[in-house]
Amino acid sequence: MSTEAYGSHHMELRDDGSRRLTFGIVLLPNFTLTAFSGFVDLLRLASDEGDMSRPVRCSWAVVGESTLPVRASCGIQITPWATFEKAGPFDYVVVVGGLLHSGSGASDATIRFIRSAGDGPATVVGICTGVFAMMRAGILKGYRACVSWFHYWDFLERFPQAEEANLVADRLFVIDRRRITCSGGRASIDVAAAILLRHIEPSIVQIALRILLVDDAQKGNAPQPHPLGLKPAAHPKVRRAILLMEQSVGRPMSLEELAGRLDMSVRQLERLFSAETGQSPHAYGRKMRVQTAAWLLTSSDRTVADIATSCGFSDASHFGREFKKGFGIAPIAYRNSQLLNEHTDSSRLATSHS
């Protein structure tokens, strides 16, 4: 598609003669359904009144290389409404990503379409790993970009030429002129709200958020949820080390492997890590794995042995010893105590409402 398709001369008009905002949505293979649906649903609710779902204030279309269905990471398939060649000009081109290491990535035709959008006056929005496709398309040079903390290291590995100072991994989303990038998940609702607030009466956007049971949209500088102890002010090398630990919680890296991934010596890593966190990498990683196990004990019915394996402990006995050091009780006792507390709280709540 030529860049002229994105020319500012194009305008969709509403019945009252005012301008309608237009969105073209590109779904990458194995995209995250939550990110897509959250973004589109806020557009839908803010576009009309009375929950009629009409594209009055804004319109949107799912576009693709072909009209073959695109599979989400959960297995649900979405069929594009139009091909890139037949897609109309848009004010915003939204690229929704998802899984990085499963199946094929964005096709060459998709990358060309994103590049064409970036060369024109459209604002390009990358949600979740959509930022990877934007980088491949070469439209992020000189722009700040938001990358999920979980994929920060993946991004640097794939794009060693990236300007690390322009990468933001501790915020929900970043708006930098005609580039908007979002960490994904529920934050897609926040970034949709931020876009709509540029063009639509704030009260209308607020009503749409309330219908979705969202109290208030988060600002772009709201922090991403991070693994335990990860602070935005931490040294970049330490931040990357912690991200690597989080991604490999089930298969703990050796200090040699971790230092090698960071292009540091083991001694340099230990000194820097201790200065930033007050702990050694080994102690920090063990604490992270124990904390993850504690969460699994209370949020799932998986066996202790299964949790031990998935959190990188050699066996249930090893896990039990490390867990007791951190929490003072055995894993099973911890699970039972948390369940008892939840039951007690529920009983109190029921009594207070009776």
Protein backbone atom coordinates (compact mmCIF):
# COMPACT_ATOMS: atom_id res chain seq x y z
CA MET A 1 0.00 0.00 0.00
CA SER A 2 1.33 3.45 -0.83
CA THR A 3 1.90 5.96 1.93
CA GLU A 4 -0.65 8.22 0.23
CA ALA A 5 -3.35 5.96 1.65
CA TYR A 6 -2.59 7.52 5.02
CA GLY A 7 -2.85 11.08 3.79
CA SER A 8 -4.41 13.66 6.07
CA HIS A 9 -6.83 14.57 3.26
CA HIS A 10 -8.91 11.54 4.22
CA MET A 11 -11.74 12.13 6.64
CA GLU A 12 -14.67 9.97 7.75
CA LEU A 13 -17.62 12.17 8.63
CA ARG A 14 -20.38 11.45 11.13
CA ASP A 15 -24.04 12.23 10.47
CA ASP A 16 -23.65 15.63 12.12
CA GLY A 17 -20.70 16.51 9.88
CA SER A 18 -18.05 16.06 12.57
CA ARG A 19 -15.03 13.87 12.06
CA ARG A 20 -14.99 10.13 12.83
CA LEU A 21 -11.74 8.67 14.19
CA THR A 22 -10.50 5.63 12.24
CA PHE A 23 -8.50 2.63 13.49
CA GLY A 24 -6.93 -0.17 11.47
CA ILE A 25 -6.05 -3.19 13.61
CA VAL A 26 -3.36 -5.67 12.60
CA LEU A 27 -3.34 -8.99 14.45
CA LEU A 28 0.00 -10.80 14.52
CA PRO A 29 0.14 -14.63 14.72
CA ASN A 30 -0.53 -15.85 18.28
CA PHE A 31 -1.74 -12.42 19.36
CA THR A 32 -3.03 -11.92 22.90
CA LEU A 33 -6.83 -11.93 22.90
CA THR A 34 -7.10 -9.84 26.08
CA ALA A 35 -5.02 -7.04 24.60
CA PHE A 36 -7.10 -7.00 21.40
CA SER A 37 -10.50 -7.25 23.04
CA GLY A 38 -9.74 -4.68 25.73
CA PHE A 39 -8.66 -2.10 23.16
CA VAL A 40 -11.59 -2.71 20.79
CA ASP A 41 -14.22 -2.84 23.51
CA LEU A 42 -13.27 0.58 24.80
CA LEU A 43 -13.51 1.94 21.24
CA ARG A 44 -16.92 0.28 20.89
CA LEU A 45 -18.31 1.65 24.13
CA ALA A 46 -16.96 5.17 23.65
CA SER A 47 -18.09 5.33 20.02
CA ASP A 48 -21.82 5.28 20.69
CA GLU A 49 -24.42 5.94 23.36
CA GLY A 50 -26.86 3.60 24.99
CA ASP A 51 -24.71 0.51 24.46
CA MET A 52 -25.73 0.37 20.77
CA SER A 53 -22.19 -0.50 19.60
CA ARG A 54 -22.47 1.65 16.48
CA PRO A 55 -19.24 3.17 15.07
CA VAL A 56 -20.43 6.76 15.50
CA ARG A 57 -17.52 8.63 17.05
CA CYS A 58 -14.89 6.23 15.74
CA SER A 59 -14.68 3.22 13.44
CA TRP A 60 -12.34 0.25 13.37
CA ALA A 61 -11.43 -2.56 11.02
CA VAL A 62 -9.27 -5.66 11.39
CA VAL A 63 -6.93 -5.79 8.40
CA GLY A 64 -4.46 -8.41 7.24
CA GLU A 65 -2.34 -9.78 4.42
CA SER A 66 -5.29 -11.99 3.48
CA THR A 67 -8.74 -12.78 4.84
CA LEU A 68 -7.56 -16.06 6.31
CA PRO A 69 -8.24 -16.29 10.08
CA VAL A 70 -5.48 -15.25 12.46
CA ARG A 71 -5.07 -17.49 15.50
CA ALA A 72 -4.81 -15.98 18.97
CA SER A 73 -2.49 -17.54 21.54
CA CYS A 74 -5.56 -19.06 23.24
CA GLY A 75 -6.71 -20.76 20.01
CA ILE A 76 -9.56 -18.42 19.07
CA GLN A 77 -9.38 -17.25 15.46
CA ILE A 78 -10.27 -13.81 14.09
CA THR A 79 -10.86 -13.20 10.37
CA PRO A 80 -9.58 -9.88 8.98
CA TRP A 81 -12.28 -7.72 7.44
CA ALA A 82 -10.10 -6.47 4.59
CA THR A 83 -6.69 -7.03 3.06
CA PHE A 84 -3.95 -4.43 3.32
CA GLU A 85 -4.45 -3.46 -0.33
CA LYS A 86 -8.15 -2.76 0.17
CA ALA A 87 -7.93 -1.25 3.65
CA GLY A 88 -8.92 2.38 3.89
CA PRO A 89 -6.69 5.09 5.33
CA PHE A 90 -6.56 5.24 9.13
CA ASP A 91 -5.75 7.76 11.81
CA TYR A 92 -4.30 4.98 13.97
CA VAL A 93 -2.78 1.67 12.90
CA VAL A 94 -2.79 -0.70 15.88
CA VAL A 95 -0.45 -3.72 15.86
CA VAL A 96 -1.43 -6.38 18.40
CA GLY A 97 1.25 -8.94 19.25
CA GLY A 98 1.45 -11.89 21.60
CA LEU A 99 3.61 -15.00 21.86
CA LEU A 100 7.17 -14.56 20.62
CA HIS A 101 8.46 -18.12 20.55
CA SER A 102 5.58 -20.01 18.96
CA GLY A 103 5.10 -20.34 15.22
CA SER A 104 5.80 -17.72 12.59
CA GLY A 105 6.06 -14.01 13.31
CA ALA A 106 4.82 -11.06 11.30
CA SER A 107 4.98 -11.70 7.55
CA ASP A 108 6.98 -9.53 5.18
CA ALA A 109 3.73 -8.08 3.82
CA THR A 110 2.68 -7.12 7.34
CA ILE A 111 6.02 -5.45 8.01
CA ARG A 112 5.70 -3.49 4.76
CA PHE A 113 2.21 -2.35 5.76
CA ILE A 114 3.44 -1.19 9.18
CA ARG A 115 6.37 0.62 7.54
CA SER A 116 4.00 2.30 5.10
CA ALA A 117 1.80 3.45 7.98
CA GLY A 118 4.81 4.81 9.83
CA ASP A 119 5.97 6.74 6.77
CA GLY A 120 2.60 8.52 6.52
CA PRO A 121 0.72 10.73 8.97
CA ALA A 122 -0.96 7.82 10.80
CA THR A 123 -0.04 7.16 14.42
CA VAL A 124 1.22 3.59 14.85
CA VAL A 125 0.32 1.81 18.07
CA GLY A 126 2.14 -1.34 19.23
CA ILE A 127 0.40 -3.44 21.87
CA CYS A 128 2.18 -6.26 23.72
CA THR A 129 4.86 -7.59 21.34
CA GLY A 130 3.53 -5.44 18.53
CA VAL A 131 6.55 -3.26 19.34
CA PHE A 132 8.78 -6.02 17.90
CA ALA A 133 7.05 -5.74 14.51
CA MET A 134 7.35 -1.94 14.65
CA MET A 135 11.08 -2.31 15.28
CA ARG A 136 11.41 -4.75 12.38
CA ALA A 137 9.61 -2.23 10.19
CA GLY A 138 12.23 0.37 11.09
CA ILE A 139 9.78 2.98 12.40
CA LEU A 140 11.09 3.38 15.96
CA LYS A 141 14.42 5.08 15.31
CA GLY A 142 14.61 8.14 17.56
CA TYR A 143 11.41 7.22 19.43
CA ARG A 144 10.98 6.02 23.01
CA ALA A 145 9.29 2.62 23.13
CA CYS A 146 7.58 0.64 25.86
CA VAL A 147 8.54 -3.02 26.17
CA SER A 148 7.07 -5.42 28.70
CA TRP A 149 9.61 -6.21 31.42
CA PHE A 150 9.12 -9.89 30.56
CA HIS A 151 10.29 -9.35 26.96
CA TYR A 152 12.91 -6.68 27.60
CA TRP A 153 15.87 -9.00 27.17
CA ASP A 154 14.24 -10.71 24.16
CA PHE A 155 13.96 -7.30 22.53
CA LEU A 156 17.63 -6.49 23.06
CA GLU A 157 18.70 -9.91 21.79
CA ARG A 158 16.66 -9.55 18.61
CA PHE A 159 17.56 -5.92 18.04
CA PRO A 160 21.10 -5.30 19.30
CA GLN A 161 21.04 -2.02 17.38
CA ALA A 162 18.22 -0.70 19.58
CA GLU A 163 19.00 2.44 21.56
CA GLU A 164 18.74 1.08 25.08
CA ALA A 165 18.21 4.56 26.52
CA ASN A 166 14.96 4.78 24.54
CA LEU A 167 13.55 1.50 25.90
CA VAL A 168 11.04 1.80 28.73
CA ALA A 169 10.30 -1.41 30.65
CA ASP A 170 8.87 0.06 33.85
CA ARG A 171 5.77 1.87 32.53
CA LEU A 172 2.42 0.71 31.16
CA PHE A 173 2.70 2.61 27.91
CA VAL A 174 4.64 5.37 26.18
CA ILE A 175 3.31 8.05 23.84
CA ASP A 176 6.06 9.63 21.76
CA ARG A 177 4.65 11.77 18.96
CA ARG A 178 3.22 9.41 16.31
CA ARG A 179 4.39 6.25 18.03
CA ILE A 180 2.50 4.68 20.92
CA THR A 181 3.72 1.47 22.53
CA CYS A 182 2.03 -0.50 25.29
CA SER A 183 3.18 -3.36 27.53
CA GLY A 184 -0.01 -5.33 26.75
CA GLY A 185 -2.68 -7.13 28.76
CA ARG A 186 -5.12 -4.93 30.63
CA ALA A 187 -2.97 -1.89 29.79
CA SER A 188 -4.48 -2.00 26.28
CA ILE A 189 -7.61 -0.47 27.83
CA ASP A 190 -5.50 2.28 29.37
CA VAL A 191 -3.78 3.14 26.10
CA ALA A 192 -7.11 3.11 24.24
CA ALA A 193 -8.46 5.56 26.82
CA ALA A 194 -5.40 7.79 26.44
CA ILE A 195 -5.92 7.89 22.65
CA LEU A 196 -9.64 8.58 22.87
CA LEU A 197 -9.12 11.37 25.39
CA ARG A 198 -7.21 13.20 22.67
CA HIS A 199 -10.34 13.35 20.51
CA ILE A 200 -13.48 12.66 22.55
CA GLU A 201 -15.17 14.31 25.52
CA PRO A 202 -13.58 12.89 28.72
CA SER A 203 -16.96 12.12 30.30
CA ILE A 204 -17.76 9.78 27.40
CA VAL A 205 -14.49 7.88 27.88
CA GLN A 206 -15.14 7.66 31.63
CA ILE A 207 -18.57 6.13 31.05
CA ALA A 208 -17.04 3.53 28.73
CA LEU A 209 -14.43 2.67 31.37
CA ARG A 210 -17.11 2.26 34.05
CA ILE A 211 -19.09 -0.10 31.82
CA LEU A 212 -15.94 -2.23 31.60
CA LEU A 213 -15.72 -2.04 35.42
CA VAL A 214 -12.50 -0.06 35.23
CA ASP A 215 -12.48 2.60 37.93
CA ASP A 216 -10.09 4.86 36.12
CA ALA A 217 -7.63 4.56 33.28
CA GLN A 218 -4.00 4.34 34.32
CA LYS A 219 -1.62 7.02 33.11
CA GLY A 220 1.32 6.13 30.92
CA ASN A 221 3.73 6.65 33.79
CA ALA A 222 1.95 4.07 35.96
CA PRO A 223 4.41 1.26 36.70
CA GLN A 224 4.24 -2.18 35.12
CA PRO A 225 3.82 -5.05 37.58
CA HIS A 226 7.35 -6.30 38.14
CA PRO A 227 8.91 -9.35 39.76
CA LEU A 228 9.70 -9.04 43.42
CA GLY A 229 12.22 -6.33 44.21
CA LEU A 230 12.64 -5.00 40.68
CA LYS A 231 12.82 -1.23 40.96
CA PRO A 232 12.74 1.15 38.00
CA ALA A 233 15.79 2.99 39.38
CA ALA A 234 17.94 -0.16 39.42
CA HIS A 235 21.10 -0.26 37.30
CA PRO A 236 20.27 -1.43 33.73
CA LYS A 237 22.52 -4.49 34.03
CA VAL A 238 20.90 -5.50 37.33
CA ARG A 239 17.45 -4.89 35.87
CA ARG A 240 18.27 -7.16 32.94
CA ALA A 241 19.73 -9.79 35.27
CA ILE A 242 16.51 -9.87 37.31
CA LEU A 243 14.40 -10.12 34.16
CA LEU A 244 16.48 -13.09 33.03
CA MET A 245 16.04 -14.73 36.44
CA GLU A 246 12.28 -14.25 36.24
CA GLN A 247 12.09 -15.72 32.75
CA SER A 248 14.12 -18.78 33.76
CA VAL A 249 12.60 -19.35 37.20
CA GLY A 250 12.02 -23.03 36.39
CA ARG A 251 15.59 -23.52 35.23
CA PRO A 252 17.85 -21.30 37.31
CA MET A 253 20.86 -20.00 35.39
CA SER A 254 24.35 -20.46 36.71
CA LEU A 255 26.22 -17.29 37.59
CA GLU A 256 28.53 -17.94 34.65
CA GLU A 257 25.63 -18.18 32.21
CA LEU A 258 23.90 -15.12 33.66
CA ALA A 259 27.08 -13.03 33.56
CA GLY A 260 27.77 -14.18 30.00
CA ARG A 261 24.32 -13.08 28.83
CA LEU A 262 25.05 -9.65 30.29
CA ASP A 263 28.57 -9.44 28.86
CA MET A 264 30.07 -9.18 32.34
CA SER A 265 32.40 -11.21 34.50
CA VAL A 266 30.92 -13.15 37.42
CA ARG A 267 32.80 -10.91 39.84
CA GLN A 268 31.46 -7.74 38.21
CA LEU A 269 27.91 -9.10 38.35
CA GLU A 270 28.18 -10.06 42.02
CA ARG A 271 29.59 -6.67 43.03
CA LEU A 272 27.01 -4.67 41.08
CA PHE A 273 24.11 -6.86 42.19
CA SER A 274 25.10 -6.60 45.84
CA ALA A 275 25.48 -2.82 45.59
CA GLU A 276 22.02 -2.41 44.01
CA THR A 277 19.96 -4.98 45.95
CA GLY A 278 21.96 -5.75 49.08
CA GLN A 279 21.92 -9.43 48.10
CA SER A 280 23.97 -11.76 45.96
CA PRO A 281 22.45 -12.93 42.66
CA HIS A 282 22.18 -16.44 44.11
CA ALA A 283 20.27 -15.26 47.21
CA TYR A 284 18.02 -12.97 45.18
CA GLY A 285 17.17 -15.72 42.70
CA ARG A 286 16.39 -18.18 45.50
CA LYS A 287 14.09 -15.63 47.17
CA MET A 288 12.32 -15.01 43.87
CA ARG A 289 11.73 -18.73 43.33
CA VAL A 290 10.42 -19.19 46.88
CA GLN A 291 8.06 -16.22 46.46
CA THR A 292 6.79 -17.65 43.17
CA ALA A 293 6.21 -21.00 44.86
CA ALA A 294 4.27 -19.32 47.68
CA TRP A 295 1.99 -17.70 45.13
CA LEU A 296 1.41 -21.05 43.39
CA LEU A 297 0.60 -22.72 46.70
CA THR A 298 -2.26 -20.31 47.34
CA SER A 299 -3.47 -19.71 43.77
CA SER A 300 -3.48 -23.26 42.42
CA ASP A 301 -4.14 -26.84 43.50
CA ARG A 302 -0.88 -28.14 42.06
CA THR A 303 1.05 -30.60 44.22
CA VAL A 304 4.05 -29.50 46.25
CA ALA A 305 6.29 -31.71 44.12
CA ASP A 306 4.98 -30.14 40.92
CA ILE A 307 5.47 -26.61 42.29
CA ALA A 308 8.98 -27.52 43.44
CA THR A 309 9.94 -28.64 39.93
CA SER A 310 8.35 -25.67 38.16
CA CYS A 311 10.18 -23.25 40.47
CA GLY A 312 13.58 -24.77 39.87
CA PHE A 313 14.11 -26.84 43.03
CA SER A 314 15.75 -30.25 42.69
CA ASP A 315 12.99 -32.05 44.60
CA ALA A 316 10.23 -31.54 47.18
CA SER A 317 12.64 -31.95 50.10
CA HIS A 318 14.97 -29.25 48.78
CA PHE A 319 11.96 -27.00 48.17
CA GLY A 320 10.65 -27.65 51.69
CA ARG A 321 13.95 -26.65 53.31
CA GLU A 322 14.27 -23.44 51.30
CA PHE A 323 10.61 -22.54 51.83
CA LYS A 324 10.89 -22.99 55.58
CA LYS A 325 13.91 -20.67 55.63
CA GLY A 326 11.84 -17.98 53.96
CA PHE A 327 8.45 -18.41 55.62
CA GLY A 328 9.18 -20.28 58.82
CA ILE A 329 6.75 -23.12 58.04
CA ALA A 330 6.50 -26.02 55.61
CA PRO A 331 4.78 -25.50 52.22
CA ILE A 332 1.71 -27.59 53.10
CA ALA A 333 1.28 -25.77 56.41
CA TYR A 334 1.57 -22.44 54.59
CA ARG A 335 -1.09 -23.46 52.06
CA ASN A 336 -3.46 -24.62 54.79
CA SER A 337 -2.96 -21.46 56.86
CA GLN A 338 -3.70 -19.24 53.86
CA LEU A 339 -6.84 -21.22 53.02
CA LEU A 340 -7.96 -20.95 56.64
CA ASN A 341 -7.43 -17.19 56.59
CA GLU A 342 -9.45 -16.87 53.39
CA HIS A 343 -12.28 -18.93 54.90
CA THR A 344 -12.25 -16.81 58.07
CA ASP A 345 -12.35 -13.57 56.07
CA SER A 346 -15.24 -14.87 53.96
CA SER A 347 -17.18 -15.84 57.08
CA ARG A 348 -16.68 -12.41 58.61
CA LEU A 349 -17.83 -10.74 55.43
CA ALA A 350 -20.94 -12.90 55.28
CA THR A 351 -21.72 -12.13 58.94
CA SER A 352 -21.33 -8.39 58.42
CA HIS A 353 -23.85 -8.46 55.56
CA SER A 354 -26.41 -10.64 57.32
